[in-house]
Amino acid sequence: MVTTDKNQQWQLVDQSTVYDGWFKIRKVRFVHALFDGGMSDMVEHEMFERGHIAALLPYDPVHDTVLLVEQFRIGACHQADGPWLTEIVAGMIEPGESAEDMARREATEEAGITVDTLIPVRRYLASPGGSTEEVSIFCALLDLSEAGGTHGLADEQEDIRVKVCSADKAITMLESGDIKNATSIIALQWFAMNRSSLRQRGLSS
């Protein structure tokens, strides 16, 4: 039985792997404390495991531009405007790799840029009702004047186009609903609130 910081208890009774491919699906059985006292009956669920994610929003404070990427996403295949989504840089954290190191690595692989200092933005659970995935978002201040082109790892069949746009345009895309990926929405909402201070920080460094 596990006791949380809120003095609530829960127990993972057992689990088994029902699918092991690109992602994993586990069948789990658990009990947990009830708000009105006592414990729940045995609960049985499938739990989706895909690892954890780190994401990066690169911002150029001198030119007031941000770097976004566009790529094919099969999960968006039923969207009316098609499965090519505009997002921020993101990828799966490898075993033994920190979220920060992954963000730097993915910046090179997906966008062809080198990132040093990272600014933590937010950590959140993507869909905790049935998935263990945790997302760590960062921002980086750097010169994007030479960024562009198509990138990605051939052995992962990646085809990723870099899109450097004005900060105003990125925020307009957010507000119009053109940005559909939750991680990118959260990052750009944070950016819209902190843009002025980020620019001052970048210009003064």
N, C-alpha and C. Protein backbone atom coordinates (compact mmCIF):
# COMPACT_ATOMS: atom_id res chain seq x y z
N MET A 1 0.84 -1.19 0.00
CA MET A 1 0.00 0.00 0.00
C MET A 1 0.88 1.25 0.00
N VAL A 2 0.64 2.16 -0.92
CA VAL A 2 1.39 3.40 -1.02
C VAL A 2 0.60 4.53 -0.36
N THR A 3 1.27 5.34 0.46
CA THR A 3 0.64 6.51 1.07
C THR A 3 1.22 7.75 0.44
N THR A 4 0.36 8.63 -0.07
CA THR A 4 0.81 9.85 -0.74
C THR A 4 1.05 10.96 0.27
N ASP A 5 1.55 12.10 -0.24
CA ASP A 5 1.78 13.27 0.62
C ASP A 5 0.49 13.78 1.25
N LYS A 6 -0.65 13.49 0.61
CA LYS A 6 -1.94 13.92 1.14
C LYS A 6 -2.52 12.89 2.11
N ASN A 7 -1.69 11.91 2.47
CA ASN A 7 -2.10 10.85 3.40
C ASN A 7 -3.22 10.00 2.83
N GLN A 8 -3.24 9.90 1.50
CA GLN A 8 -4.19 9.02 0.83
C GLN A 8 -3.45 7.77 0.38
N GLN A 9 -4.14 6.67 0.40
CA GLN A 9 -3.50 5.39 0.09
C GLN A 9 -4.04 4.80 -1.20
N TRP A 10 -3.16 4.06 -1.87
CA TRP A 10 -3.59 3.30 -3.04
C TRP A 10 -2.65 2.12 -3.22
N GLN A 11 -3.07 1.14 -4.01
CA GLN A 11 -2.23 -0.05 -4.23
C GLN A 11 -2.44 -0.58 -5.63
N LEU A 12 -1.33 -0.80 -6.34
CA LEU A 12 -1.36 -1.50 -7.62
C LEU A 12 -1.31 -2.99 -7.30
N VAL A 13 -2.40 -3.68 -7.51
CA VAL A 13 -2.51 -5.08 -7.10
C VAL A 13 -1.74 -5.98 -8.05
N ASP A 14 -1.94 -5.82 -9.34
CA ASP A 14 -1.15 -6.58 -10.32
C ASP A 14 -1.27 -5.90 -11.69
N GLN A 15 -0.36 -6.29 -12.58
CA GLN A 15 -0.38 -5.76 -13.94
C GLN A 15 0.19 -6.78 -14.91
N SER A 16 -0.24 -6.72 -16.15
CA SER A 16 0.27 -7.62 -17.19
C SER A 16 0.33 -6.85 -18.50
N THR A 17 1.28 -7.20 -19.36
CA THR A 17 1.42 -6.55 -20.65
C THR A 17 0.53 -7.24 -21.67
N VAL A 18 -0.37 -6.49 -22.28
CA VAL A 18 -1.27 -7.08 -23.27
C VAL A 18 -0.88 -6.72 -24.70
N TYR A 19 -0.01 -5.70 -24.84
CA TYR A 19 0.52 -5.35 -26.16
C TYR A 19 1.90 -4.74 -25.97
N ASP A 20 2.87 -5.17 -26.78
CA ASP A 20 4.23 -4.66 -26.68
C ASP A 20 4.75 -4.42 -28.09
N GLY A 21 4.57 -3.19 -28.58
CA GLY A 21 5.03 -2.82 -29.92
C GLY A 21 5.71 -1.47 -29.88
N TRP A 22 5.33 -0.58 -30.80
CA TRP A 22 5.87 0.77 -30.79
C TRP A 22 5.55 1.43 -29.44
N PHE A 23 4.36 1.14 -28.93
CA PHE A 23 3.95 1.52 -27.59
C PHE A 23 3.62 0.28 -26.80
N LYS A 24 3.31 0.43 -25.52
CA LYS A 24 2.92 -0.69 -24.67
C LYS A 24 1.54 -0.41 -24.07
N ILE A 25 0.78 -1.48 -23.91
CA ILE A 25 -0.49 -1.40 -23.20
C ILE A 25 -0.46 -2.45 -22.08
N ARG A 26 -0.72 -2.01 -20.88
CA ARG A 26 -0.75 -2.91 -19.73
C ARG A 26 -2.16 -2.96 -19.15
N LYS A 27 -2.55 -4.13 -18.71
CA LYS A 27 -3.79 -4.27 -17.96
C LYS A 27 -3.42 -4.20 -16.48
N VAL A 28 -4.04 -3.29 -15.75
CA VAL A 28 -3.71 -3.09 -14.35
C VAL A 28 -4.96 -3.25 -13.49
N ARG A 29 -4.73 -3.71 -12.25
CA ARG A 29 -5.80 -3.77 -11.25
C ARG A 29 -5.32 -3.04 -10.01
N PHE A 30 -6.15 -2.18 -9.46
CA PHE A 30 -5.73 -1.36 -8.33
C PHE A 30 -6.92 -1.00 -7.45
N VAL A 31 -6.58 -0.57 -6.23
CA VAL A 31 -7.57 -0.01 -5.30
C VAL A 31 -7.03 1.31 -4.79
N HIS A 32 -7.94 2.18 -4.36
CA HIS A 32 -7.49 3.48 -3.84
C HIS A 32 -8.45 3.98 -2.77
N ALA A 33 -7.94 4.88 -1.93
CA ALA A 33 -8.75 5.46 -0.86
C ALA A 33 -9.89 6.29 -1.45
N LEU A 34 -11.05 6.28 -0.77
CA LEU A 34 -12.21 7.07 -1.17
C LEU A 34 -12.27 8.34 -0.33
N PHE A 35 -12.76 9.42 -0.92
CA PHE A 35 -12.84 10.68 -0.20
C PHE A 35 -13.73 10.58 1.04
N ASP A 36 -14.75 9.74 0.98
CA ASP A 36 -15.66 9.60 2.12
C ASP A 36 -15.23 8.52 3.10
N GLY A 37 -14.02 7.98 2.90
CA GLY A 37 -13.50 6.95 3.79
C GLY A 37 -13.54 5.57 3.18
N GLY A 38 -12.66 4.68 3.68
CA GLY A 38 -12.60 3.32 3.16
C GLY A 38 -11.84 3.25 1.86
N MET A 39 -11.91 2.06 1.24
CA MET A 39 -11.19 1.81 -0.01
C MET A 39 -12.17 1.45 -1.11
N SER A 40 -11.76 1.72 -2.34
CA SER A 40 -12.57 1.39 -3.50
C SER A 40 -12.63 -0.13 -3.70
N ASP A 41 -13.59 -0.57 -4.50
CA ASP A 41 -13.55 -1.95 -4.99
C ASP A 41 -12.37 -2.08 -5.95
N MET A 42 -12.05 -3.31 -6.33
CA MET A 42 -10.98 -3.53 -7.30
C MET A 42 -11.35 -2.87 -8.62
N VAL A 43 -10.42 -2.03 -9.14
CA VAL A 43 -10.63 -1.34 -10.42
C VAL A 43 -9.70 -1.96 -11.45
N GLU A 44 -10.23 -2.25 -12.64
CA GLU A 44 -9.41 -2.83 -13.71
C GLU A 44 -9.44 -1.90 -14.92
N HIS A 45 -8.24 -1.56 -15.41
CA HIS A 45 -8.12 -0.65 -16.55
C HIS A 45 -6.99 -1.11 -17.45
N GLU A 46 -7.03 -0.65 -18.72
CA GLU A 46 -5.85 -0.71 -19.57
C GLU A 46 -5.08 0.60 -19.39
N MET A 47 -3.76 0.51 -19.40
CA MET A 47 -2.91 1.70 -19.23
C MET A 47 -1.93 1.78 -20.39
N PHE A 48 -1.93 2.92 -21.06
CA PHE A 48 -1.10 3.14 -22.24
C PHE A 48 0.25 3.70 -21.82
N GLU A 49 1.33 3.08 -22.28
CA GLU A 49 2.67 3.54 -21.97
C GLU A 49 3.44 3.82 -23.26
N ARG A 50 3.87 5.07 -23.41
CA ARG A 50 4.67 5.44 -24.58
C ARG A 50 5.95 6.14 -24.17
N GLY A 51 6.25 6.18 -22.88
CA GLY A 51 7.42 6.89 -22.39
C GLY A 51 7.06 8.33 -22.07
N HIS A 52 8.09 9.15 -21.87
CA HIS A 52 7.88 10.55 -21.51
C HIS A 52 8.46 11.45 -22.60
N ILE A 53 7.98 12.68 -22.64
CA ILE A 53 8.26 13.59 -23.75
C ILE A 53 8.95 14.85 -23.24
N ALA A 54 9.87 15.38 -24.02
CA ALA A 54 10.41 16.71 -23.80
C ALA A 54 10.14 17.53 -25.06
N ALA A 55 9.82 18.81 -24.86
CA ALA A 55 9.46 19.67 -25.99
C ALA A 55 10.15 21.02 -25.83
N LEU A 56 10.36 21.69 -26.95
CA LEU A 56 11.14 22.93 -26.95
C LEU A 56 10.52 23.97 -27.88
N LEU A 57 10.39 25.19 -27.37
CA LEU A 57 9.99 26.34 -28.19
C LEU A 57 11.19 27.27 -28.33
N PRO A 58 11.87 27.28 -29.47
CA PRO A 58 12.99 28.21 -29.68
C PRO A 58 12.47 29.61 -30.02
N TYR A 59 13.06 30.62 -29.39
CA TYR A 59 12.64 32.01 -29.60
C TYR A 59 13.85 32.88 -29.86
N ASP A 60 13.75 33.70 -30.89
CA ASP A 60 14.81 34.66 -31.25
C ASP A 60 14.36 36.04 -30.78
N PRO A 61 14.91 36.55 -29.67
CA PRO A 61 14.45 37.83 -29.13
C PRO A 61 14.86 39.03 -29.97
N VAL A 62 15.92 38.91 -30.73
CA VAL A 62 16.38 40.01 -31.57
C VAL A 62 15.42 40.24 -32.74
N HIS A 63 15.06 39.15 -33.41
CA HIS A 63 14.17 39.25 -34.57
C HIS A 63 12.70 39.01 -34.19
N ASP A 64 12.44 38.67 -32.93
CA ASP A 64 11.09 38.41 -32.42
C ASP A 64 10.40 37.33 -33.25
N THR A 65 11.12 36.23 -33.43
CA THR A 65 10.59 35.10 -34.20
C THR A 65 10.64 33.82 -33.36
N VAL A 66 9.80 32.88 -33.73
CA VAL A 66 9.82 31.56 -33.08
C VAL A 66 10.00 30.50 -34.16
N LEU A 67 10.50 29.35 -33.72
CA LEU A 67 10.69 28.22 -34.63
C LEU A 67 9.64 27.18 -34.35
N LEU A 68 8.89 26.83 -35.38
CA LEU A 68 7.91 25.74 -35.32
C LEU A 68 8.31 24.70 -36.36
N VAL A 69 7.75 23.52 -36.23
CA VAL A 69 8.02 22.46 -37.21
C VAL A 69 6.70 21.89 -37.72
N GLU A 70 6.75 21.37 -38.92
CA GLU A 70 5.57 20.76 -39.54
C GLU A 70 5.91 19.34 -39.95
N GLN A 71 5.02 18.39 -39.61
CA GLN A 71 5.25 17.01 -39.99
C GLN A 71 3.93 16.24 -40.03
N PHE A 72 3.98 15.08 -40.66
CA PHE A 72 2.81 14.19 -40.77
C PHE A 72 2.57 13.50 -39.44
N ARG A 73 1.31 13.51 -38.98
CA ARG A 73 0.92 12.86 -37.73
C ARG A 73 -0.27 11.94 -37.99
N ILE A 74 -0.07 10.63 -37.87
CA ILE A 74 -1.12 9.68 -38.20
C ILE A 74 -2.35 9.83 -37.29
N GLY A 75 -2.13 10.29 -36.05
CA GLY A 75 -3.26 10.49 -35.15
C GLY A 75 -4.18 11.61 -35.58
N ALA A 76 -3.74 12.42 -36.53
CA ALA A 76 -4.56 13.52 -37.04
C ALA A 76 -5.17 13.19 -38.40
N CYS A 77 -5.21 11.91 -38.75
CA CYS A 77 -5.64 11.51 -40.09
C CYS A 77 -7.10 11.84 -40.38
N HIS A 78 -7.91 12.03 -39.36
CA HIS A 78 -9.32 12.34 -39.58
C HIS A 78 -9.61 13.84 -39.52
N GLN A 79 -8.58 14.67 -39.37
CA GLN A 79 -8.79 16.11 -39.35
C GLN A 79 -9.16 16.62 -40.74
N ALA A 80 -10.09 17.55 -40.79
CA ALA A 80 -10.59 18.05 -42.08
C ALA A 80 -9.49 18.66 -42.92
N ASP A 81 -8.51 19.30 -42.27
CA ASP A 81 -7.44 19.94 -43.03
C ASP A 81 -6.20 19.07 -43.16
N GLY A 82 -6.34 17.78 -42.85
CA GLY A 82 -5.26 16.84 -43.10
C GLY A 82 -4.35 16.57 -41.92
N PRO A 83 -3.49 15.55 -42.04
CA PRO A 83 -2.65 15.10 -40.92
C PRO A 83 -1.28 15.76 -40.81
N TRP A 84 -1.02 16.86 -41.54
CA TRP A 84 0.23 17.59 -41.34
C TRP A 84 -0.02 18.67 -40.29
N LEU A 85 0.69 18.59 -39.17
CA LEU A 85 0.48 19.50 -38.07
C LEU A 85 1.68 20.42 -37.86
N THR A 86 1.39 21.65 -37.47
CA THR A 86 2.43 22.59 -37.06
C THR A 86 2.55 22.52 -35.55
N GLU A 87 3.78 22.29 -35.07
CA GLU A 87 4.00 22.02 -33.65
C GLU A 87 5.31 22.67 -33.21
N ILE A 88 5.64 22.50 -31.93
CA ILE A 88 6.97 22.84 -31.47
C ILE A 88 7.83 21.57 -31.54
N VAL A 89 9.13 21.74 -31.40
CA VAL A 89 10.06 20.60 -31.40
C VAL A 89 9.74 19.70 -30.20
N ALA A 90 9.68 18.39 -30.42
CA ALA A 90 9.37 17.48 -29.32
C ALA A 90 9.79 16.06 -29.69
N GLY A 91 10.01 15.25 -28.68
CA GLY A 91 10.36 13.85 -28.91
C GLY A 91 10.39 13.07 -27.61
N MET A 92 10.57 11.77 -27.75
CA MET A 92 10.53 10.87 -26.61
C MET A 92 11.88 10.81 -25.92
N ILE A 93 11.85 10.85 -24.60
CA ILE A 93 13.06 10.78 -23.78
C ILE A 93 13.55 9.33 -23.75
N GLU A 94 14.81 9.12 -24.05
CA GLU A 94 15.38 7.78 -24.04
C GLU A 94 15.73 7.37 -22.61
N PRO A 95 15.78 6.04 -22.33
CA PRO A 95 16.17 5.58 -20.99
C PRO A 95 17.52 6.16 -20.56
N GLY A 96 17.58 6.71 -19.36
CA GLY A 96 18.82 7.29 -18.85
C GLY A 96 19.09 8.70 -19.31
N GLU A 97 18.22 9.26 -20.13
CA GLU A 97 18.40 10.60 -20.67
C GLU A 97 17.53 11.58 -19.90
N SER A 98 18.06 12.76 -19.59
CA SER A 98 17.26 13.77 -18.92
C SER A 98 16.37 14.48 -19.93
N ALA A 99 15.32 15.12 -19.43
CA ALA A 99 14.44 15.88 -20.32
C ALA A 99 15.21 17.01 -21.00
N GLU A 100 16.12 17.64 -20.26
CA GLU A 100 16.91 18.73 -20.82
C GLU A 100 17.81 18.26 -21.95
N ASP A 101 18.48 17.13 -21.74
CA ASP A 101 19.36 16.60 -22.78
C ASP A 101 18.57 16.18 -24.01
N MET A 102 17.39 15.63 -23.77
CA MET A 102 16.56 15.22 -24.90
C MET A 102 16.11 16.43 -25.72
N ALA A 103 15.73 17.53 -25.03
CA ALA A 103 15.30 18.73 -25.74
C ALA A 103 16.42 19.27 -26.62
N ARG A 104 17.65 19.25 -26.10
CA ARG A 104 18.80 19.72 -26.89
C ARG A 104 19.05 18.79 -28.08
N ARG A 105 18.96 17.50 -27.85
CA ARG A 105 19.18 16.53 -28.93
C ARG A 105 18.12 16.67 -30.02
N GLU A 106 16.88 16.80 -29.60
CA GLU A 106 15.80 16.88 -30.58
C GLU A 106 15.85 18.19 -31.36
N ALA A 107 16.36 19.25 -30.74
CA ALA A 107 16.52 20.51 -31.45
C ALA A 107 17.45 20.34 -32.65
N THR A 108 18.49 19.56 -32.48
CA THR A 108 19.43 19.30 -33.58
C THR A 108 18.81 18.37 -34.61
N GLU A 109 18.17 17.30 -34.15
CA GLU A 109 17.61 16.30 -35.06
C GLU A 109 16.44 16.84 -35.87
N GLU A 110 15.54 17.57 -35.22
CA GLU A 110 14.32 18.02 -35.88
C GLU A 110 14.46 19.36 -36.57
N ALA A 111 15.35 20.23 -36.04
CA ALA A 111 15.39 21.59 -36.55
C ALA A 111 16.77 22.05 -37.01
N GLY A 112 17.81 21.25 -36.77
CA GLY A 112 19.14 21.62 -37.20
C GLY A 112 19.73 22.79 -36.44
N ILE A 113 19.30 22.99 -35.21
CA ILE A 113 19.81 24.09 -34.39
C ILE A 113 20.51 23.54 -33.16
N THR A 114 21.40 24.35 -32.58
CA THR A 114 22.10 23.98 -31.36
C THR A 114 21.60 24.85 -30.22
N VAL A 115 21.18 24.21 -29.15
CA VAL A 115 20.59 24.90 -28.01
C VAL A 115 21.46 24.67 -26.79
N ASP A 116 21.69 25.72 -26.03
CA ASP A 116 22.48 25.63 -24.81
C ASP A 116 21.57 25.75 -23.59
N THR A 117 21.31 26.97 -23.16
CA THR A 117 20.52 27.20 -21.95
C THR A 117 19.03 26.99 -22.22
N LEU A 118 18.38 26.28 -21.32
CA LEU A 118 16.95 26.02 -21.43
C LEU A 118 16.20 26.74 -20.32
N ILE A 119 15.03 27.24 -20.64
CA ILE A 119 14.15 27.87 -19.67
C ILE A 119 12.98 26.93 -19.42
N PRO A 120 12.82 26.41 -18.20
CA PRO A 120 11.69 25.52 -17.94
C PRO A 120 10.37 26.26 -18.10
N VAL A 121 9.43 25.63 -18.79
CA VAL A 121 8.11 26.22 -19.02
C VAL A 121 7.05 25.53 -18.16
N ARG A 122 6.86 24.23 -18.35
CA ARG A 122 5.82 23.52 -17.64
C ARG A 122 6.04 22.01 -17.76
N ARG A 123 5.63 21.29 -16.73
CA ARG A 123 5.55 19.83 -16.80
C ARG A 123 4.11 19.45 -16.55
N TYR A 124 3.60 18.50 -17.34
CA TYR A 124 2.20 18.09 -17.15
C TYR A 124 2.00 16.65 -17.60
N LEU A 125 0.91 16.06 -17.12
CA LEU A 125 0.52 14.72 -17.53
C LEU A 125 -0.43 14.84 -18.72
N ALA A 126 -0.09 14.16 -19.81
CA ALA A 126 -0.83 14.35 -21.06
C ALA A 126 -2.26 13.84 -20.99
N SER A 127 -2.47 12.66 -20.43
CA SER A 127 -3.81 12.07 -20.36
C SER A 127 -3.84 11.05 -19.23
N PRO A 128 -3.82 11.53 -17.97
CA PRO A 128 -3.62 10.63 -16.83
C PRO A 128 -4.75 9.66 -16.56
N GLY A 129 -5.88 9.81 -17.25
CA GLY A 129 -6.95 8.83 -17.08
C GLY A 129 -6.59 7.46 -17.62
N GLY A 130 -5.59 7.39 -18.50
CA GLY A 130 -5.24 6.08 -19.05
C GLY A 130 -3.82 5.99 -19.58
N SER A 131 -3.00 7.04 -19.39
CA SER A 131 -1.64 7.04 -19.91
C SER A 131 -0.67 7.56 -18.86
N THR A 132 0.55 7.02 -18.87
CA THR A 132 1.58 7.45 -17.92
C THR A 132 2.43 8.59 -18.48
N GLU A 133 2.17 9.03 -19.69
CA GLU A 133 3.03 10.01 -20.37
C GLU A 133 3.10 11.34 -19.62
N GLU A 134 4.33 11.81 -19.36
CA GLU A 134 4.57 13.12 -18.78
C GLU A 134 5.35 13.96 -19.79
N VAL A 135 4.97 15.23 -19.93
CA VAL A 135 5.59 16.12 -20.90
C VAL A 135 6.31 17.25 -20.17
N SER A 136 7.57 17.48 -20.55
CA SER A 136 8.36 18.59 -20.02
C SER A 136 8.62 19.58 -21.14
N ILE A 137 8.15 20.83 -20.97
CA ILE A 137 8.30 21.85 -22.01
C ILE A 137 9.37 22.86 -21.60
N PHE A 138 10.19 23.25 -22.57
CA PHE A 138 11.24 24.24 -22.35
C PHE A 138 11.16 25.31 -23.43
N CYS A 139 11.78 26.45 -23.14
CA CYS A 139 11.99 27.51 -24.12
C CYS A 139 13.49 27.77 -24.20
N ALA A 140 13.96 28.22 -25.35
CA ALA A 140 15.38 28.57 -25.51
C ALA A 140 15.47 29.87 -26.30
N LEU A 141 16.41 30.71 -25.91
CA LEU A 141 16.66 31.98 -26.60
C LEU A 141 17.89 31.83 -27.48
N LEU A 142 17.73 32.07 -28.77
CA LEU A 142 18.86 31.90 -29.70
C LEU A 142 18.58 32.62 -31.01
N ASP A 143 19.61 32.74 -31.82
CA ASP A 143 19.53 33.38 -33.13
C ASP A 143 18.92 32.38 -34.12
N LEU A 144 17.79 32.73 -34.71
CA LEU A 144 17.11 31.84 -35.66
C LEU A 144 17.24 32.34 -37.09
N SER A 145 18.11 33.32 -37.34
CA SER A 145 18.18 33.94 -38.66
C SER A 145 18.63 32.96 -39.75
N GLU A 146 19.36 31.91 -39.38
CA GLU A 146 19.83 30.94 -40.37
C GLU A 146 19.05 29.64 -40.32
N ALA A 147 18.04 29.54 -39.45
CA ALA A 147 17.29 28.28 -39.30
C ALA A 147 16.32 28.08 -40.46
N GLY A 148 16.12 26.83 -40.81
CA GLY A 148 15.19 26.51 -41.89
C GLY A 148 15.48 25.12 -42.45
N GLY A 149 14.82 24.77 -43.52
CA GLY A 149 15.09 23.51 -44.19
C GLY A 149 14.24 22.36 -43.69
N THR A 150 14.59 21.17 -44.18
CA THR A 150 13.90 19.93 -43.83
C THR A 150 14.87 19.05 -43.05
N HIS A 151 14.40 18.47 -41.97
CA HIS A 151 15.26 17.70 -41.08
C HIS A 151 14.56 16.42 -40.63
N GLY A 152 15.21 15.71 -39.71
CA GLY A 152 14.68 14.45 -39.19
C GLY A 152 15.62 13.30 -39.46
N LEU A 153 15.43 12.22 -38.69
CA LEU A 153 16.27 11.04 -38.82
C LEU A 153 15.71 10.09 -39.87
N ALA A 154 16.54 9.71 -40.83
CA ALA A 154 16.10 8.82 -41.90
C ALA A 154 15.67 7.47 -41.36
N ASP A 155 16.40 6.94 -40.34
CA ASP A 155 16.07 5.61 -39.82
C ASP A 155 14.77 5.62 -39.01
N GLU A 156 14.26 6.81 -38.68
CA GLU A 156 12.96 6.91 -38.02
C GLU A 156 11.88 7.44 -38.97
N GLN A 157 12.24 7.50 -40.25
CA GLN A 157 11.33 7.93 -41.32
C GLN A 157 10.72 9.31 -41.01
N GLU A 158 11.55 10.21 -40.48
CA GLU A 158 11.08 11.55 -40.16
C GLU A 158 11.24 12.48 -41.36
N ASP A 159 10.26 13.29 -41.58
CA ASP A 159 10.28 14.29 -42.64
C ASP A 159 9.70 15.56 -42.02
N ILE A 160 10.58 16.43 -41.52
CA ILE A 160 10.17 17.55 -40.67
C ILE A 160 10.63 18.86 -41.31
N ARG A 161 9.68 19.75 -41.54
CA ARG A 161 9.98 21.05 -42.14
C ARG A 161 10.01 22.13 -41.07
N VAL A 162 11.09 22.90 -41.05
CA VAL A 162 11.22 24.00 -40.09
C VAL A 162 10.48 25.23 -40.64
N LYS A 163 9.73 25.88 -39.74
CA LYS A 163 8.99 27.09 -40.10
C LYS A 163 9.34 28.17 -39.08
N VAL A 164 10.15 29.14 -39.48
CA VAL A 164 10.46 30.28 -38.61
C VAL A 164 9.46 31.39 -38.96
N CYS A 165 8.72 31.84 -37.97
CA CYS A 165 7.71 32.86 -38.22
C CYS A 165 7.76 33.92 -37.14
N SER A 166 7.14 35.04 -37.40
CA SER A 166 7.09 36.10 -36.40
C SER A 166 6.33 35.62 -35.17
N ALA A 167 6.67 36.18 -34.04
CA ALA A 167 5.95 35.83 -32.81
C ALA A 167 4.47 36.18 -32.95
N ASP A 168 4.17 37.29 -33.61
CA ASP A 168 2.77 37.68 -33.81
C ASP A 168 2.01 36.61 -34.60
N LYS A 169 2.64 36.09 -35.65
CA LYS A 169 1.98 35.08 -36.46
C LYS A 169 1.76 33.80 -35.66
N ALA A 170 2.76 33.40 -34.88
CA ALA A 170 2.61 32.18 -34.07
C ALA A 170 1.44 32.31 -33.10
N ILE A 171 1.31 33.47 -32.47
CA ILE A 171 0.22 33.69 -31.52
C ILE A 171 -1.12 33.73 -32.26
N THR A 172 -1.14 34.30 -33.47
CA THR A 172 -2.36 34.30 -34.27
C THR A 172 -2.78 32.88 -34.64
N MET A 173 -1.81 32.03 -34.99
CA MET A 173 -2.10 30.63 -35.30
C MET A 173 -2.67 29.91 -34.07
N LEU A 174 -2.15 30.24 -32.90
CA LEU A 174 -2.67 29.67 -31.66
C LEU A 174 -4.13 30.09 -31.46
N GLU A 175 -4.39 31.37 -31.60
CA GLU A 175 -5.73 31.90 -31.32
C GLU A 175 -6.76 31.45 -32.36
N SER A 176 -6.31 31.20 -33.59
CA SER A 176 -7.23 30.80 -34.66
C SER A 176 -7.54 29.30 -34.65
N GLY A 177 -6.80 28.54 -33.84
CA GLY A 177 -7.00 27.09 -33.80
C GLY A 177 -6.17 26.32 -34.79
N ASP A 178 -5.25 27.01 -35.48
CA ASP A 178 -4.38 26.29 -36.43
C ASP A 178 -3.37 25.41 -35.71
N ILE A 179 -3.06 25.72 -34.46
CA ILE A 179 -2.19 24.87 -33.65
C ILE A 179 -3.09 23.91 -32.89
N LYS A 180 -2.96 22.61 -33.17
CA LYS A 180 -3.89 21.61 -32.62
C LYS A 180 -3.25 20.71 -31.57
N ASN A 181 -1.92 20.70 -31.53
CA ASN A 181 -1.21 19.82 -30.60
C ASN A 181 -1.19 20.45 -29.21
N ALA A 182 -1.59 19.66 -28.18
CA ALA A 182 -1.73 20.21 -26.83
C ALA A 182 -0.43 20.80 -26.29
N THR A 183 0.68 20.11 -26.50
CA THR A 183 1.97 20.60 -26.02
C THR A 183 2.30 21.95 -26.64
N SER A 184 2.05 22.09 -27.92
CA SER A 184 2.33 23.35 -28.61
C SER A 184 1.40 24.46 -28.14
N ILE A 185 0.15 24.13 -27.88
CA ILE A 185 -0.81 25.11 -27.37
C ILE A 185 -0.35 25.64 -26.01
N ILE A 186 0.03 24.74 -25.12
CA ILE A 186 0.47 25.14 -23.78
C ILE A 186 1.72 26.01 -23.88
N ALA A 187 2.67 25.59 -24.73
CA ALA A 187 3.92 26.35 -24.87
C ALA A 187 3.66 27.75 -25.42
N LEU A 188 2.80 27.86 -26.42
CA LEU A 188 2.55 29.16 -27.03
C LEU A 188 1.69 30.05 -26.13
N GLN A 189 0.80 29.46 -25.35
CA GLN A 189 0.05 30.27 -24.37
C GLN A 189 1.01 30.87 -23.34
N TRP A 190 1.94 30.04 -22.88
CA TRP A 190 2.95 30.53 -21.93
C TRP A 190 3.80 31.62 -22.59
N PHE A 191 4.19 31.39 -23.85
CA PHE A 191 5.01 32.36 -24.56
C PHE A 191 4.28 33.69 -24.71
N ALA A 192 3.00 33.64 -25.04
CA ALA A 192 2.23 34.88 -25.21
C ALA A 192 2.21 35.70 -23.93
N MET A 193 2.16 35.02 -22.79
CA MET A 193 2.13 35.72 -21.51
C MET A 193 3.51 36.25 -21.10
N ASN A 194 4.57 35.60 -21.58
CA ASN A 194 5.92 35.94 -21.13
C ASN A 194 6.80 36.54 -22.23
N ARG A 195 6.23 36.82 -23.37
CA ARG A 195 7.00 37.29 -24.53
C ARG A 195 7.83 38.53 -24.22
N SER A 196 7.22 39.50 -23.58
CA SER A 196 7.92 40.76 -23.32
C SER A 196 9.14 40.56 -22.43
N SER A 197 8.98 39.81 -21.35
CA SER A 197 10.11 39.59 -20.45
C SER A 197 11.17 38.71 -21.10
N LEU A 198 10.76 37.76 -21.93
CA LEU A 198 11.73 36.92 -22.64
C LEU A 198 12.56 37.77 -23.59
N ARG A 199 11.89 38.70 -24.27
CA ARG A 199 12.62 39.53 -25.23
C ARG A 199 13.61 40.44 -24.50
N GLN A 200 13.18 41.03 -23.39
CA GLN A 200 14.08 41.88 -22.62
C GLN A 200 15.27 41.08 -22.11
N ARG A 201 14.99 39.86 -21.66
CA ARG A 201 16.07 38.98 -21.16
C ARG A 201 17.06 38.67 -22.27
N GLY A 202 16.55 38.37 -23.45
CA GLY A 202 17.43 38.04 -24.56
C GLY A 202 18.23 39.21 -25.06
N LEU A 203 17.62 40.39 -25.13
CA LEU A 203 18.31 41.57 -25.62
C LEU A 203 19.35 42.09 -24.67
N SER A 204 19.17 41.79 -23.38
CA SER A 204 20.12 42.29 -22.38
C SER A 204 21.27 41.33 -22.11
N SER A 205 21.19 40.14 -22.66
CA SER A 205 22.24 39.14 -22.39
C SER A 205 23.40 39.29 -23.38
